[in-house]
Amino acid sequence: MVTAADIMTREVVTIQAEAPLREALSKLVKNKISGMPVVNQENEIVGIITEKDMLNFILSGSLPQTVVKEAMVKEVVCFPPDTPYEKLCLSLIEHNFRRIPIVAGKKVVGLVARRDLLRGVSRFYSEK
């Protein structure tokens, strides 16, 4: 059985809720990603921020004076590392997500993006 732990990205780019939104934008561009978990001082997930979340702030010109917590999504669907890949796939499809944070307790330990799922499942089937 392929689980989140088998396919997740373990080095996750995160940002703090109090960080300036322009810093989040810079991290997305620098790391060539479209979203990232928002964490507190203890690395516990408190939200998620995506390029889509930033667009209104960019268009309104308020990006420079906005902090991440004002733009982030606070209700985040997360799963533990032992979650079967089928459940992750269903969640991505059902919610039209691009990524799902993987947490142990509330601490971010990984991230599964659509591409991670495809790569992991492809590897699994090519070994058979």
N, C-alpha and C. Protein backbone atom coordinates (compact mmCIF):
# COMPACT_ATOMS: atom_id res chain seq x y z
N MET A 1 0.84 -1.18 0.00
CA MET A 1 0.00 0.00 0.00
C MET A 1 0.89 1.25 0.00
N VAL A 2 0.69 2.14 -0.95
CA VAL A 2 1.42 3.39 -1.04
C VAL A 2 0.74 4.41 -0.13
N THR A 3 1.53 5.05 0.73
CA THR A 3 1.00 6.04 1.67
C THR A 3 1.60 7.41 1.41
N ALA A 4 1.08 8.40 2.09
CA ALA A 4 1.60 9.76 1.99
C ALA A 4 3.09 9.80 2.30
N ALA A 5 3.50 9.06 3.31
CA ALA A 5 4.92 9.05 3.71
C ALA A 5 5.82 8.55 2.58
N ASP A 6 5.29 7.67 1.73
CA ASP A 6 6.08 7.11 0.63
C ASP A 6 6.32 8.11 -0.48
N ILE A 7 5.43 9.07 -0.65
CA ILE A 7 5.49 9.94 -1.82
C ILE A 7 5.61 11.43 -1.50
N MET A 8 5.50 11.80 -0.24
CA MET A 8 5.48 13.22 0.10
C MET A 8 6.84 13.88 -0.06
N THR A 9 6.80 15.18 -0.32
CA THR A 9 7.99 16.01 -0.29
C THR A 9 8.25 16.33 1.17
N ARG A 10 9.44 16.02 1.63
CA ARG A 10 9.75 16.18 3.06
C ARG A 10 10.32 17.57 3.40
N GLU A 11 10.97 18.19 2.45
CA GLU A 11 11.51 19.53 2.68
C GLU A 11 10.49 20.53 2.15
N VAL A 12 9.62 20.96 3.05
CA VAL A 12 8.49 21.80 2.68
C VAL A 12 8.82 23.28 2.91
N VAL A 13 8.56 24.08 1.89
CA VAL A 13 8.69 25.53 2.02
C VAL A 13 7.46 26.01 2.78
N THR A 14 7.67 26.72 3.88
CA THR A 14 6.57 27.25 4.68
C THR A 14 6.80 28.74 4.92
N ILE A 15 5.79 29.37 5.49
CA ILE A 15 5.91 30.78 5.85
C ILE A 15 5.10 31.01 7.12
N GLN A 16 5.49 32.00 7.88
CA GLN A 16 4.78 32.35 9.11
C GLN A 16 3.60 33.26 8.80
N ALA A 17 2.55 33.18 9.61
CA ALA A 17 1.33 33.95 9.40
C ALA A 17 1.57 35.46 9.47
N GLU A 18 2.52 35.90 10.26
CA GLU A 18 2.80 37.33 10.45
C GLU A 18 3.74 37.89 9.39
N ALA A 19 4.25 37.06 8.49
CA ALA A 19 5.18 37.52 7.46
C ALA A 19 4.46 38.41 6.45
N PRO A 20 5.18 39.34 5.86
CA PRO A 20 4.57 40.17 4.82
C PRO A 20 4.16 39.30 3.62
N LEU A 21 3.06 39.64 3.00
CA LEU A 21 2.58 38.89 1.84
C LEU A 21 3.58 38.94 0.70
N ARG A 22 4.31 40.04 0.59
CA ARG A 22 5.33 40.13 -0.46
C ARG A 22 6.44 39.09 -0.26
N GLU A 23 6.70 38.70 1.00
CA GLU A 23 7.67 37.64 1.28
C GLU A 23 7.14 36.29 0.80
N ALA A 24 5.85 36.06 1.00
CA ALA A 24 5.23 34.82 0.50
C ALA A 24 5.32 34.77 -1.02
N LEU A 25 5.03 35.87 -1.67
CA LEU A 25 5.12 35.94 -3.12
C LEU A 25 6.54 35.62 -3.58
N SER A 26 7.50 36.20 -2.92
CA SER A 26 8.91 35.97 -3.25
C SER A 26 9.29 34.49 -3.09
N LYS A 27 8.81 33.85 -2.02
CA LYS A 27 9.11 32.42 -1.79
C LYS A 27 8.48 31.54 -2.87
N LEU A 28 7.26 31.87 -3.26
CA LEU A 28 6.60 31.09 -4.31
C LEU A 28 7.39 31.17 -5.61
N VAL A 29 7.77 32.38 -5.97
CA VAL A 29 8.50 32.58 -7.22
C VAL A 29 9.88 31.93 -7.17
N LYS A 30 10.61 32.17 -6.08
CA LYS A 30 11.97 31.63 -5.94
C LYS A 30 11.98 30.10 -5.97
N ASN A 31 10.99 29.47 -5.34
CA ASN A 31 10.96 28.01 -5.24
C ASN A 31 10.14 27.35 -6.35
N LYS A 32 9.57 28.16 -7.24
CA LYS A 32 8.78 27.66 -8.37
C LYS A 32 7.64 26.75 -7.90
N ILE A 33 6.90 27.26 -6.90
CA ILE A 33 5.76 26.54 -6.35
C ILE A 33 4.53 27.45 -6.42
N SER A 34 3.36 26.85 -6.28
CA SER A 34 2.13 27.65 -6.40
C SER A 34 1.42 27.85 -5.06
N GLY A 35 1.95 27.27 -3.99
CA GLY A 35 1.36 27.44 -2.68
C GLY A 35 2.22 26.80 -1.61
N MET A 36 1.95 27.17 -0.35
CA MET A 36 2.73 26.61 0.76
C MET A 36 1.94 26.71 2.07
N PRO A 37 2.25 25.81 3.00
CA PRO A 37 1.62 25.88 4.31
C PRO A 37 2.07 27.12 5.08
N VAL A 38 1.15 27.63 5.88
CA VAL A 38 1.44 28.73 6.80
C VAL A 38 1.53 28.11 8.18
N VAL A 39 2.61 28.41 8.90
CA VAL A 39 2.86 27.77 10.20
C VAL A 39 3.08 28.82 11.28
N ASN A 40 2.93 28.35 12.54
CA ASN A 40 3.25 29.21 13.68
C ASN A 40 4.70 28.93 14.11
N GLN A 41 5.12 29.48 15.24
CA GLN A 41 6.49 29.34 15.73
C GLN A 41 6.88 27.89 15.98
N GLU A 42 5.90 27.03 16.29
CA GLU A 42 6.17 25.62 16.59
C GLU A 42 6.07 24.73 15.34
N ASN A 43 6.00 25.34 14.17
CA ASN A 43 5.86 24.63 12.89
C ASN A 43 4.53 23.89 12.78
N GLU A 44 3.52 24.38 13.50
CA GLU A 44 2.17 23.81 13.41
C GLU A 44 1.40 24.56 12.34
N ILE A 45 0.65 23.83 11.56
CA ILE A 45 -0.09 24.44 10.46
C ILE A 45 -1.23 25.31 10.98
N VAL A 46 -1.33 26.51 10.41
CA VAL A 46 -2.41 27.43 10.77
C VAL A 46 -3.16 27.90 9.52
N GLY A 47 -2.66 27.53 8.35
CA GLY A 47 -3.31 27.94 7.11
C GLY A 47 -2.51 27.49 5.91
N ILE A 48 -2.96 27.95 4.75
CA ILE A 48 -2.24 27.69 3.50
C ILE A 48 -2.40 28.93 2.64
N ILE A 49 -1.35 29.27 1.91
CA ILE A 49 -1.39 30.44 1.02
C ILE A 49 -1.01 29.99 -0.38
N THR A 50 -1.77 30.45 -1.35
CA THR A 50 -1.50 30.07 -2.74
C THR A 50 -1.41 31.33 -3.60
N GLU A 51 -0.89 31.13 -4.80
CA GLU A 51 -0.82 32.26 -5.73
C GLU A 51 -2.22 32.81 -6.00
N LYS A 52 -3.20 31.95 -6.05
CA LYS A 52 -4.58 32.39 -6.28
C LYS A 52 -5.05 33.32 -5.15
N ASP A 53 -4.68 32.98 -3.90
CA ASP A 53 -5.07 33.81 -2.75
C ASP A 53 -4.48 35.21 -2.82
N MET A 54 -3.35 35.35 -3.49
CA MET A 54 -2.65 36.64 -3.55
C MET A 54 -3.15 37.56 -4.65
N LEU A 55 -3.84 37.02 -5.63
CA LEU A 55 -4.20 37.82 -6.80
C LEU A 55 -5.00 39.08 -6.48
N ASN A 56 -5.99 38.99 -5.60
CA ASN A 56 -6.78 40.18 -5.26
C ASN A 56 -5.93 41.26 -4.61
N PHE A 57 -4.99 40.85 -3.78
CA PHE A 57 -4.13 41.82 -3.10
C PHE A 57 -3.16 42.47 -4.09
N ILE A 58 -2.72 41.68 -5.07
CA ILE A 58 -1.85 42.22 -6.11
C ILE A 58 -2.62 43.23 -6.96
N LEU A 59 -3.82 42.84 -7.39
CA LEU A 59 -4.63 43.73 -8.25
C LEU A 59 -5.05 45.01 -7.54
N SER A 60 -5.34 44.92 -6.25
CA SER A 60 -5.80 46.11 -5.51
C SER A 60 -4.64 47.03 -5.10
N GLY A 61 -3.42 46.54 -5.26
CA GLY A 61 -2.26 47.34 -4.86
C GLY A 61 -1.97 47.28 -3.38
N SER A 62 -2.67 46.40 -2.64
CA SER A 62 -2.48 46.34 -1.19
C SER A 62 -1.47 45.27 -0.77
N LEU A 63 -0.83 44.61 -1.70
CA LEU A 63 0.15 43.57 -1.35
C LEU A 63 1.24 44.08 -0.40
N PRO A 64 1.83 45.26 -0.62
CA PRO A 64 2.92 45.70 0.25
C PRO A 64 2.56 45.86 1.72
N GLN A 65 1.32 46.20 2.03
CA GLN A 65 0.95 46.41 3.44
C GLN A 65 0.15 45.25 4.04
N THR A 66 0.08 44.14 3.34
CA THR A 66 -0.70 42.98 3.80
C THR A 66 0.21 41.91 4.37
N VAL A 67 -0.26 41.24 5.43
CA VAL A 67 0.48 40.10 5.99
C VAL A 67 -0.23 38.82 5.58
N VAL A 68 0.50 37.72 5.63
CA VAL A 68 0.03 36.43 5.14
C VAL A 68 -1.31 36.04 5.76
N LYS A 69 -1.47 36.23 7.06
CA LYS A 69 -2.70 35.77 7.73
C LYS A 69 -3.95 36.44 7.18
N GLU A 70 -3.81 37.59 6.53
CA GLU A 70 -4.96 38.29 5.95
C GLU A 70 -5.40 37.65 4.63
N ALA A 71 -4.50 36.93 3.98
CA ALA A 71 -4.80 36.36 2.66
C ALA A 71 -4.92 34.84 2.67
N MET A 72 -4.42 34.20 3.70
CA MET A 72 -4.37 32.73 3.72
C MET A 72 -5.75 32.11 3.92
N VAL A 73 -5.86 30.86 3.53
CA VAL A 73 -7.03 30.05 3.83
C VAL A 73 -6.77 29.41 5.18
N LYS A 74 -7.71 29.56 6.11
CA LYS A 74 -7.50 29.06 7.47
C LYS A 74 -7.99 27.63 7.67
N GLU A 75 -8.98 27.22 6.92
CA GLU A 75 -9.51 25.86 7.03
C GLU A 75 -8.74 24.97 6.04
N VAL A 76 -7.79 24.21 6.56
CA VAL A 76 -6.91 23.42 5.71
C VAL A 76 -7.18 21.93 5.89
N VAL A 77 -7.34 21.24 4.79
CA VAL A 77 -7.49 19.79 4.81
C VAL A 77 -6.08 19.21 4.89
N CYS A 78 -5.81 18.43 5.93
CA CYS A 78 -4.50 17.81 6.15
C CYS A 78 -4.69 16.31 6.38
N PHE A 79 -3.62 15.57 6.19
CA PHE A 79 -3.67 14.13 6.45
C PHE A 79 -2.38 13.70 7.15
N PRO A 80 -2.44 12.60 7.91
CA PRO A 80 -1.23 12.06 8.54
C PRO A 80 -0.41 11.26 7.52
N PRO A 81 0.85 10.99 7.85
CA PRO A 81 1.74 10.29 6.92
C PRO A 81 1.29 8.89 6.51
N ASP A 82 0.46 8.22 7.31
CA ASP A 82 0.05 6.85 6.97
C ASP A 82 -1.21 6.81 6.09
N THR A 83 -1.64 7.94 5.57
CA THR A 83 -2.83 7.99 4.72
C THR A 83 -2.57 7.30 3.38
N PRO A 84 -3.44 6.37 2.97
CA PRO A 84 -3.28 5.71 1.68
C PRO A 84 -3.40 6.70 0.52
N TYR A 85 -2.67 6.44 -0.54
CA TYR A 85 -2.66 7.36 -1.67
C TYR A 85 -4.05 7.53 -2.29
N GLU A 86 -4.87 6.50 -2.23
CA GLU A 86 -6.21 6.61 -2.79
C GLU A 86 -7.01 7.73 -2.10
N LYS A 87 -6.87 7.83 -0.80
CA LYS A 87 -7.59 8.86 -0.04
C LYS A 87 -7.08 10.26 -0.41
N LEU A 88 -5.77 10.37 -0.62
CA LEU A 88 -5.19 11.64 -1.04
C LEU A 88 -5.70 12.03 -2.43
N CYS A 89 -5.72 11.07 -3.34
CA CYS A 89 -6.23 11.32 -4.70
C CYS A 89 -7.68 11.80 -4.65
N LEU A 90 -8.50 11.12 -3.89
CA LEU A 90 -9.91 11.50 -3.79
C LEU A 90 -10.08 12.91 -3.24
N SER A 91 -9.27 13.26 -2.26
CA SER A 91 -9.36 14.59 -1.66
C SER A 91 -8.93 15.67 -2.66
N LEU A 92 -7.85 15.41 -3.39
CA LEU A 92 -7.39 16.37 -4.39
C LEU A 92 -8.47 16.59 -5.45
N ILE A 93 -9.10 15.51 -5.89
CA ILE A 93 -10.14 15.61 -6.91
C ILE A 93 -11.39 16.30 -6.35
N GLU A 94 -11.84 15.84 -5.19
CA GLU A 94 -13.07 16.37 -4.59
C GLU A 94 -13.00 17.86 -4.32
N HIS A 95 -11.85 18.32 -3.80
CA HIS A 95 -11.71 19.73 -3.41
C HIS A 95 -11.02 20.58 -4.47
N ASN A 96 -10.58 19.94 -5.55
CA ASN A 96 -9.83 20.63 -6.60
C ASN A 96 -8.58 21.32 -6.04
N PHE A 97 -7.88 20.60 -5.14
CA PHE A 97 -6.63 21.09 -4.56
C PHE A 97 -5.46 20.73 -5.47
N ARG A 98 -4.37 21.45 -5.29
CA ARG A 98 -3.12 21.11 -5.97
C ARG A 98 -2.14 20.44 -5.01
N ARG A 99 -2.38 20.65 -3.71
CA ARG A 99 -1.46 20.09 -2.72
C ARG A 99 -2.20 19.84 -1.42
N ILE A 100 -1.67 18.89 -0.63
CA ILE A 100 -2.24 18.58 0.68
C ILE A 100 -1.09 18.50 1.69
N PRO A 101 -1.15 19.30 2.76
CA PRO A 101 -0.13 19.19 3.80
C PRO A 101 -0.26 17.85 4.54
N ILE A 102 0.87 17.29 4.88
CA ILE A 102 0.93 16.06 5.67
C ILE A 102 1.44 16.47 7.04
N VAL A 103 0.68 16.10 8.07
CA VAL A 103 1.00 16.55 9.42
C VAL A 103 1.08 15.37 10.39
N ALA A 104 1.96 15.54 11.37
CA ALA A 104 2.03 14.63 12.51
C ALA A 104 1.58 15.47 13.69
N GLY A 105 0.41 15.15 14.22
CA GLY A 105 -0.21 16.06 15.18
C GLY A 105 -0.65 17.27 14.39
N LYS A 106 -0.07 18.42 14.69
CA LYS A 106 -0.34 19.63 13.91
C LYS A 106 0.91 20.11 13.17
N LYS A 107 2.03 19.39 13.36
CA LYS A 107 3.29 19.81 12.75
C LYS A 107 3.39 19.34 11.31
N VAL A 108 3.79 20.25 10.44
CA VAL A 108 3.96 19.93 9.03
C VAL A 108 5.21 19.06 8.87
N VAL A 109 5.01 17.86 8.31
CA VAL A 109 6.14 16.94 8.08
C VAL A 109 6.33 16.65 6.60
N GLY A 110 5.40 17.11 5.77
CA GLY A 110 5.52 16.87 4.34
C GLY A 110 4.40 17.54 3.58
N LEU A 111 4.45 17.35 2.28
CA LEU A 111 3.44 17.91 1.40
C LEU A 111 3.28 16.95 0.23
N VAL A 112 2.05 16.68 -0.13
CA VAL A 112 1.79 15.85 -1.30
C VAL A 112 1.07 16.71 -2.33
N ALA A 113 1.72 16.89 -3.47
CA ALA A 113 1.14 17.61 -4.58
C ALA A 113 0.64 16.59 -5.60
N ARG A 114 -0.16 17.04 -6.53
CA ARG A 114 -0.66 16.14 -7.57
C ARG A 114 0.48 15.40 -8.24
N ARG A 115 1.53 16.12 -8.57
CA ARG A 115 2.67 15.51 -9.25
C ARG A 115 3.34 14.44 -8.39
N ASP A 116 3.42 14.66 -7.07
CA ASP A 116 3.99 13.64 -6.17
C ASP A 116 3.18 12.36 -6.24
N LEU A 117 1.86 12.49 -6.28
CA LEU A 117 0.99 11.32 -6.38
C LEU A 117 1.24 10.56 -7.68
N LEU A 118 1.29 11.29 -8.76
CA LEU A 118 1.52 10.64 -10.05
C LEU A 118 2.88 9.96 -10.10
N ARG A 119 3.89 10.64 -9.60
CA ARG A 119 5.25 10.09 -9.58
C ARG A 119 5.30 8.83 -8.70
N GLY A 120 4.71 8.91 -7.53
CA GLY A 120 4.74 7.78 -6.60
C GLY A 120 3.98 6.58 -7.11
N VAL A 121 2.82 6.81 -7.65
CA VAL A 121 2.01 5.71 -8.17
C VAL A 121 2.69 5.11 -9.41
N SER A 122 3.27 5.95 -10.25
CA SER A 122 3.99 5.47 -11.43
C SER A 122 5.13 4.55 -11.01
N ARG A 123 5.89 4.94 -10.01
CA ARG A 123 6.99 4.14 -9.49
C ARG A 123 6.48 2.81 -8.96
N PHE A 124 5.38 2.86 -8.23
CA PHE A 124 4.79 1.65 -7.65
C PHE A 124 4.41 0.67 -8.75
N TYR A 125 3.74 1.15 -9.80
CA TYR A 125 3.29 0.26 -10.86
C TYR A 125 4.42 -0.21 -11.77
N SER A 126 5.46 0.58 -11.91
CA SER A 126 6.58 0.14 -12.76
C SER A 126 7.40 -0.96 -12.09
N GLU A 127 7.27 -1.10 -10.77
CA GLU A 127 8.00 -2.15 -10.03
C GLU A 127 7.29 -3.48 -10.11
N LYS A 128 6.05 -3.49 -10.57
CA LYS A 128 5.26 -4.74 -10.64
C LYS A 128 5.55 -5.49 -11.91
